[in-house]
Amino acid sequence: MGGEHTRGREATVDQIRLKSRALEWRELDGELVALEAERSLYLAANPAATLLWQRLADGATYSDLCEALVSAYAIDHHVADRDVGQFLDQAREFGLLEER
């Protein structure tokens, strides 16, 4: 992996973060519940997605997100890359991200 990613835009995006507008979320017993008020969207996430969400709240790079999964779950970098990519694709689909 070494800082270079093949998942499209991630290679050129420095910082990814959650949009702050109308997005409320809480962690309950290691899992996430979130409400995006603009579209009345309710989201729930497992512990791995909750970890990624928490990192995105403060802003993170794609590489930061992959490393967080590798560290927390002792998974292979390729698995982390795939999982982060899928998570970000869904977050983009829901319009939850700001990317710079």
Protein backbone atom coordinates (compact mmCIF):
# COMPACT_ATOMS: atom_id res chain seq x y z
CA MET A 1 0.00 0.00 0.00
CA GLY A 2 2.73 2.49 0.96
CA GLY A 3 0.67 5.69 0.60
CA GLU A 4 -0.40 4.99 -3.00
CA HIS A 5 -3.91 3.69 -3.58
CA THR A 6 -5.56 2.45 -6.71
CA ARG A 7 -9.14 3.29 -5.72
CA GLY A 8 -9.75 6.24 -8.00
CA ARG A 9 -10.05 9.60 -6.24
CA GLU A 10 -8.44 8.51 -2.97
CA ALA A 11 -4.99 8.78 -4.54
CA THR A 12 -5.50 12.53 -5.05
CA VAL A 13 -7.58 13.43 -2.00
CA ASP A 14 -5.59 14.58 1.01
CA GLN A 15 -8.28 14.95 3.64
CA ILE A 16 -11.68 13.30 3.97
CA ARG A 17 -14.14 14.27 6.68
CA LEU A 18 -17.78 14.01 7.59
CA LYS A 19 -19.99 16.89 6.56
CA SER A 20 -21.07 18.73 9.67
CA ARG A 21 -24.33 20.12 8.36
CA ALA A 22 -27.41 18.47 9.84
CA LEU A 23 -25.52 15.31 10.78
CA GLU A 24 -25.94 14.03 14.32
CA TRP A 25 -24.33 10.84 15.54
CA ARG A 26 -23.58 8.92 18.70
CA GLU A 27 -21.66 5.81 19.59
CA LEU A 28 -23.70 3.36 21.67
CA ASP A 29 -22.03 0.20 22.98
CA GLY A 30 -19.34 0.29 20.28
CA GLU A 31 -21.75 0.82 17.40
CA LEU A 32 -22.79 3.97 15.61
CA VAL A 33 -26.21 5.49 15.14
CA ALA A 34 -26.51 8.61 12.98
CA LEU A 35 -29.23 10.85 11.65
CA GLU A 36 -28.83 13.06 8.61
CA ALA A 37 -31.71 15.47 9.18
CA GLU A 38 -31.83 17.07 5.72
CA ARG A 39 -33.08 13.85 4.12
CA SER A 40 -34.26 12.10 7.31
CA LEU A 41 -31.66 9.41 6.79
CA TYR A 42 -31.04 7.03 9.70
CA LEU A 43 -27.79 5.05 9.69
CA ALA A 44 -26.39 2.33 11.93
CA ALA A 45 -22.89 0.88 11.70
CA ASN A 46 -20.92 -2.04 13.04
CA PRO A 47 -17.79 -1.51 15.19
CA ALA A 48 -15.37 -1.38 12.21
CA ALA A 49 -17.49 1.23 10.42
CA THR A 50 -17.83 3.11 13.71
CA LEU A 51 -14.03 3.29 13.93
CA LEU A 52 -13.83 4.74 10.41
CA TRP A 53 -16.66 7.19 11.15
CA GLN A 54 -14.84 8.45 14.26
CA ARG A 55 -11.68 9.04 12.23
CA LEU A 56 -13.66 10.90 9.58
CA ALA A 57 -15.23 13.17 12.20
CA ASP A 58 -11.81 14.77 12.75
CA GLY A 59 -10.65 14.35 9.16
CA ALA A 60 -8.41 11.58 7.90
CA THR A 61 -6.64 10.43 4.79
CA TYR A 62 -7.51 7.22 2.99
CA SER A 63 -4.26 5.76 4.29
CA ASP A 64 -5.14 6.77 7.88
CA LEU A 65 -8.43 4.90 7.58
CA CYS A 66 -6.75 1.76 6.24
CA GLU A 67 -4.13 1.83 8.98
CA ALA A 68 -6.84 2.23 11.64
CA LEU A 69 -8.51 -1.00 10.47
CA VAL A 70 -5.21 -2.87 10.21
CA SER A 71 -4.24 -1.79 13.74
CA ALA A 72 -7.61 -2.44 15.36
CA TYR A 73 -8.43 -5.75 13.69
CA ALA A 74 -5.03 -7.15 12.62
CA ILE A 75 -6.27 -7.60 9.05
CA ASP A 76 -4.29 -7.60 5.82
CA HIS A 77 -3.71 -4.23 4.12
CA HIS A 78 -5.55 -5.42 1.00
CA VAL A 79 -8.63 -6.30 3.04
CA ALA A 80 -8.49 -2.92 4.80
CA ASP A 81 -8.13 -1.15 1.44
CA ARG A 82 -11.20 -2.95 0.08
CA ASP A 83 -13.27 -2.29 3.22
CA VAL A 84 -12.35 1.39 3.42
CA GLY A 85 -13.14 1.81 -0.27
CA GLN A 86 -16.57 0.25 0.17
CA PHE A 87 -17.28 2.32 3.28
CA LEU A 88 -16.32 5.57 1.53
CA ASP A 89 -18.34 4.66 -1.57
CA GLN A 90 -21.44 4.25 0.61
CA ALA A 91 -20.73 7.46 2.51
CA ARG A 92 -20.39 9.33 -0.80
CA GLU A 93 -23.63 7.80 -2.04
CA PHE A 94 -25.37 9.26 1.01
CA GLY A 95 -23.61 12.62 0.55
CA LEU A 96 -21.90 12.48 3.95
CA LEU A 97 -18.34 13.46 3.02
CA GLU A 98 -16.29 16.58 2.39
CA GLU A 99 -13.13 15.87 0.39
CA ARG A 100 -10.20 18.23 -0.11
